[in-house]
N, C-alpha and C. Protein backbone atom coordinates (compact mmCIF):
# COMPACT_ATOMS: atom_id res chain seq x y z
N MET A 1 132.21 16.43 -64.50
CA MET A 1 131.32 16.10 -63.56
C MET A 1 130.19 17.02 -63.32
N ILE A 2 129.01 16.53 -63.32
CA ILE A 2 127.79 17.43 -63.41
C ILE A 2 127.45 17.80 -61.78
N LYS A 3 127.35 19.02 -61.73
CA LYS A 3 126.99 19.51 -60.34
C LYS A 3 125.38 19.49 -60.23
N ILE A 4 124.98 18.56 -59.45
CA ILE A 4 123.50 18.39 -59.29
C ILE A 4 123.03 19.55 -58.15
N PHE A 5 123.75 19.65 -57.20
CA PHE A 5 123.41 20.52 -56.09
C PHE A 5 124.35 21.78 -56.18
N ARG A 6 123.65 22.78 -56.33
CA ARG A 6 124.62 24.08 -56.31
C ARG A 6 125.08 24.48 -54.99
N ASN A 7 124.39 24.32 -54.05
CA ASN A 7 124.89 24.74 -52.66
C ASN A 7 124.61 23.79 -51.65
N LYS A 8 125.22 23.94 -50.39
CA LYS A 8 124.94 23.20 -49.20
C LYS A 8 123.66 23.23 -48.69
N LYS A 9 122.90 24.25 -48.83
CA LYS A 9 121.61 24.45 -48.42
C LYS A 9 120.58 23.55 -49.03
N SER A 10 120.65 23.45 -50.23
CA SER A 10 119.77 22.45 -50.97
C SER A 10 120.02 21.15 -50.46
N VAL A 11 121.14 20.77 -50.32
CA VAL A 11 121.62 19.34 -49.96
C VAL A 11 120.94 19.09 -48.56
N LEU A 12 121.08 20.03 -47.56
CA LEU A 12 120.55 19.85 -46.36
C LEU A 12 119.18 19.69 -46.34
N LEU A 13 118.44 20.66 -47.24
CA LEU A 13 116.90 20.54 -47.15
C LEU A 13 116.40 19.15 -47.70
N ILE A 14 117.21 18.69 -48.74
CA ILE A 14 116.72 17.28 -49.25
C ILE A 14 116.98 16.19 -48.29
N LEU A 15 118.06 16.19 -47.64
CA LEU A 15 118.47 15.34 -46.56
C LEU A 15 117.31 15.29 -45.52
N LEU A 16 116.94 16.55 -45.06
CA LEU A 16 115.88 16.75 -44.06
C LEU A 16 114.61 16.34 -44.53
N ALA A 17 114.25 16.35 -45.70
CA ALA A 17 113.03 16.01 -46.30
C ALA A 17 112.94 14.56 -46.24
N ILE A 18 113.99 13.84 -46.66
CA ILE A 18 114.18 12.43 -46.68
C ILE A 18 113.97 11.66 -45.28
N LEU A 19 114.69 12.53 -44.24
CA LEU A 19 114.64 12.09 -42.84
C LEU A 19 113.28 12.15 -42.41
N ILE A 20 112.57 13.29 -42.62
CA ILE A 20 111.16 13.43 -42.19
C ILE A 20 110.23 12.30 -42.86
N ALA A 21 110.48 12.01 -44.09
CA ALA A 21 109.58 10.97 -44.83
C ALA A 21 109.74 9.67 -44.19
N VAL A 22 111.09 9.36 -43.88
CA VAL A 22 111.32 8.07 -43.19
C VAL A 22 110.83 8.04 -41.80
N LEU A 23 110.77 9.04 -41.14
CA LEU A 23 110.15 8.89 -39.76
C LEU A 23 108.66 9.03 -39.83
N VAL A 24 108.11 9.70 -40.71
CA VAL A 24 106.55 9.74 -40.73
C VAL A 24 106.08 8.46 -41.21
N PHE A 25 106.62 7.97 -42.43
CA PHE A 25 106.09 6.91 -43.01
C PHE A 25 106.58 5.49 -42.37
N ASN A 26 107.21 5.57 -41.37
CA ASN A 26 107.74 4.30 -40.74
C ASN A 26 106.71 3.87 -39.65
N ASP A 27 106.42 2.59 -39.53
CA ASP A 27 105.44 2.05 -38.58
C ASP A 27 105.87 2.08 -37.15
N SER A 28 107.19 2.13 -36.89
CA SER A 28 107.74 2.30 -35.65
C SER A 28 107.41 3.79 -35.03
N PHE A 29 107.49 4.81 -35.96
CA PHE A 29 107.05 6.11 -35.50
C PHE A 29 105.71 6.12 -35.00
N PHE A 30 104.74 5.59 -35.88
CA PHE A 30 103.16 5.61 -35.38
C PHE A 30 103.18 4.75 -34.05
N ALA A 31 103.75 3.61 -33.91
CA ALA A 31 103.80 2.97 -32.71
C ALA A 31 104.27 3.65 -31.57
N LEU A 32 105.37 4.37 -31.73
CA LEU A 32 105.91 5.35 -30.60
C LEU A 32 104.93 6.48 -30.30
N LEU A 33 104.31 7.07 -31.18
CA LEU A 33 103.22 7.93 -30.92
C LEU A 33 102.15 7.26 -30.21
N HIS A 34 101.67 6.32 -30.69
CA HIS A 34 100.52 5.52 -30.09
C HIS A 34 100.93 5.17 -28.52
N ASN A 35 102.02 4.60 -28.43
CA ASN A 35 102.37 4.28 -27.18
C ASN A 35 102.63 5.49 -26.11
N SER A 36 103.07 6.56 -26.59
CA SER A 36 103.18 7.75 -25.72
C SER A 36 101.81 8.23 -25.36
N LEU A 37 100.88 8.32 -26.15
CA LEU A 37 99.48 8.67 -25.83
C LEU A 37 98.79 7.83 -24.83
N LYS A 38 99.03 6.39 -25.04
CA LYS A 38 98.45 5.40 -24.14
C LYS A 38 99.23 5.58 -22.63
N MET A 39 100.51 5.82 -22.71
CA MET A 39 101.22 6.09 -21.52
C MET A 39 100.66 7.14 -20.74
N ARG A 40 100.35 8.39 -21.51
CA ARG A 40 99.73 9.57 -20.80
C ARG A 40 98.35 9.27 -20.22
N ARG A 41 97.55 8.48 -20.93
CA ARG A 41 96.23 8.12 -20.52
C ARG A 41 96.44 7.27 -19.26
N LEU A 42 97.24 6.35 -19.18
CA LEU A 42 97.45 5.46 -18.06
C LEU A 42 98.03 6.16 -16.84
N ASN A 43 98.86 7.22 -17.01
CA ASN A 43 99.29 8.00 -15.94
C ASN A 43 98.18 8.69 -15.27
N GLU A 44 97.29 9.13 -16.12
CA GLU A 44 96.20 10.00 -15.65
C GLU A 44 95.11 9.03 -14.90
N LYS A 45 95.10 7.79 -15.42
CA LYS A 45 94.34 6.76 -14.73
C LYS A 45 94.87 6.39 -13.25
N ILE A 46 96.15 6.31 -13.41
CA ILE A 46 96.97 5.97 -12.19
C ILE A 46 96.70 7.06 -10.99
N THR A 47 96.68 8.24 -11.39
CA THR A 47 96.64 9.46 -10.39
C THR A 47 95.17 9.33 -9.97
N GLN A 48 94.15 9.12 -10.82
CA GLN A 48 92.79 8.99 -10.31
C GLN A 48 92.65 7.80 -9.35
N LEU A 49 93.19 6.76 -9.70
CA LEU A 49 92.96 5.50 -8.75
C LEU A 49 93.77 5.74 -7.49
N ASP A 50 94.94 6.48 -7.51
CA ASP A 50 95.56 6.81 -6.19
C ASP A 50 94.80 7.64 -5.35
N SER A 51 94.19 8.62 -5.85
CA SER A 51 93.15 9.47 -5.03
C SER A 51 92.03 8.71 -4.52
N GLU A 52 91.44 7.88 -5.41
CA GLU A 52 90.32 6.84 -4.86
C GLU A 52 90.77 5.90 -3.86
N TYR A 53 92.04 5.53 -3.93
CA TYR A 53 92.56 4.66 -3.07
C TYR A 53 92.65 5.21 -1.63
N GLU A 54 93.20 6.52 -1.59
CA GLU A 54 93.33 7.39 -0.44
C GLU A 54 91.99 7.65 0.24
N GLU A 55 90.97 7.67 -0.45
CA GLU A 55 89.61 8.13 0.07
C GLU A 55 89.13 6.81 0.63
N LEU A 56 89.19 5.64 0.01
CA LEU A 56 88.85 4.36 0.54
C LEU A 56 89.65 3.94 1.69
N ASN A 57 90.86 4.25 1.71
CA ASN A 57 91.79 3.85 2.90
C ASN A 57 91.39 4.73 4.11
N ALA A 58 90.96 6.03 3.87
CA ALA A 58 90.56 6.70 5.09
C ALA A 58 89.18 6.29 5.52
N GLU A 59 88.36 5.95 4.71
CA GLU A 59 87.02 5.33 5.18
C GLU A 59 87.19 3.92 5.88
N TYR A 60 88.16 3.21 5.41
CA TYR A 60 88.41 1.98 6.01
C TYR A 60 88.94 2.14 7.44
N ASN A 61 89.85 3.13 7.66
CA ASN A 61 90.50 3.33 8.92
C ASN A 61 89.38 3.84 9.96
N LYS A 62 88.38 4.61 9.44
CA LYS A 62 87.28 5.13 10.34
C LYS A 62 86.56 3.91 10.70
N ILE A 63 86.23 3.00 9.86
CA ILE A 63 85.56 1.73 10.21
C ILE A 63 86.17 1.06 11.14
N LEU A 64 87.48 0.77 11.11
CA LEU A 64 88.27 0.01 11.88
C LEU A 64 88.43 0.68 13.23
N SER A 65 88.51 1.99 13.45
CA SER A 65 88.60 2.71 14.58
C SER A 65 87.35 2.71 15.41
N GLY A 66 86.26 2.27 14.70
CA GLY A 66 84.99 2.26 15.56
C GLY A 66 84.42 3.71 15.65
N ASP A 67 84.66 4.67 14.68
CA ASP A 67 84.29 5.92 14.84
C ASP A 67 82.86 6.01 14.84
N ARG A 68 82.11 6.20 15.97
CA ARG A 68 80.52 6.12 16.12
C ARG A 68 79.87 7.01 15.15
N PHE A 69 80.20 8.25 15.06
CA PHE A 69 79.51 9.29 14.12
C PHE A 69 79.61 8.89 12.73
N PHE A 70 80.80 8.35 12.18
CA PHE A 70 80.94 7.87 11.00
C PHE A 70 80.02 6.53 10.69
N LEU A 71 80.19 5.65 11.55
CA LEU A 71 79.33 4.51 11.48
C LEU A 71 77.77 4.76 11.39
N GLU A 72 77.39 5.70 12.43
CA GLU A 72 75.96 5.94 12.29
C GLU A 72 75.53 6.70 10.97
N GLU A 73 76.27 7.58 10.44
CA GLU A 73 75.98 8.33 9.32
C GLU A 73 75.93 7.30 8.11
N GLU A 74 76.87 6.38 7.98
CA GLU A 74 76.97 5.32 6.85
C GLU A 74 75.76 4.44 7.18
N ALA A 75 75.22 4.02 8.27
CA ALA A 75 74.04 3.25 8.52
C ALA A 75 72.73 3.95 8.14
N ARG A 76 72.65 5.18 8.41
CA ARG A 76 71.41 5.97 8.15
C ARG A 76 71.27 6.34 6.51
N ILE A 77 72.54 6.66 5.91
CA ILE A 77 72.43 7.15 4.61
C ILE A 77 72.30 5.95 3.63
N ASN A 78 73.17 4.96 3.82
CA ASN A 78 73.40 3.76 2.98
C ASN A 78 72.51 2.76 3.16
N TYR A 79 72.23 2.37 4.46
CA TYR A 79 71.27 1.23 4.87
C TYR A 79 69.86 1.80 5.37
N ASN A 80 69.55 3.01 5.15
CA ASN A 80 68.12 3.55 5.65
C ASN A 80 67.91 3.04 7.09
N MET A 81 68.73 2.85 7.91
CA MET A 81 68.57 2.69 9.42
C MET A 81 68.22 3.84 10.22
N ALA A 82 67.41 3.54 11.33
CA ALA A 82 67.11 4.71 12.17
C ALA A 82 67.30 4.10 13.51
N ARG A 83 67.29 5.08 14.50
CA ARG A 83 67.46 4.74 16.01
C ARG A 83 66.06 4.19 16.44
N GLU A 84 66.09 3.42 17.41
CA GLU A 84 64.80 2.77 17.98
C GLU A 84 63.98 4.09 18.49
N GLY A 85 62.64 4.15 18.03
CA GLY A 85 61.79 5.26 18.51
C GLY A 85 61.94 6.38 17.49
N GLU A 86 62.75 6.51 16.51
CA GLU A 86 62.78 7.55 15.68
C GLU A 86 61.82 7.28 14.48
N ILE A 87 61.35 8.43 14.01
CA ILE A 87 60.56 8.24 12.75
C ILE A 87 61.14 8.86 11.61
N GLU A 88 61.20 8.03 10.64
CA GLU A 88 61.88 8.48 9.42
C GLU A 88 60.87 9.09 8.34
N PHE A 89 61.23 10.30 7.83
CA PHE A 89 60.27 11.00 7.01
C PHE A 89 61.15 10.95 5.57
N ARG A 90 60.42 10.54 4.59
CA ARG A 90 61.10 10.57 3.14
C ARG A 90 60.46 11.54 2.33
N ILE A 91 61.15 12.33 1.72
CA ILE A 91 60.55 13.49 0.78
C ILE A 91 61.00 13.20 -0.50
N LYS A 92 60.03 12.96 -1.43
CA LYS A 92 60.55 12.63 -2.72
C LYS A 92 60.77 14.12 -3.39
N LYS A 93 61.88 14.10 -4.31
CA LYS A 93 62.15 15.33 -4.98
C LYS A 93 61.37 15.56 -6.33
């Protein structure tokens, strides 16, 4: 019988190389990698949307509670409203 492999170390290296080749050149490996990256991006988007939801919910609660100062500020800034008798000055930047 001819000894192809002299020691256990070379056998392990060859098996390791075959395993790596199967993993790397397998389509499911790339799909797994792609899905994990997509999952990371979606988790970041979820975090961003959660914080945006909290901000909008706080604004909604201020509107529902009838917070006069908040409503007046919103009317002045977003709808260019002024109180009766006030003169509005617009300065262009």
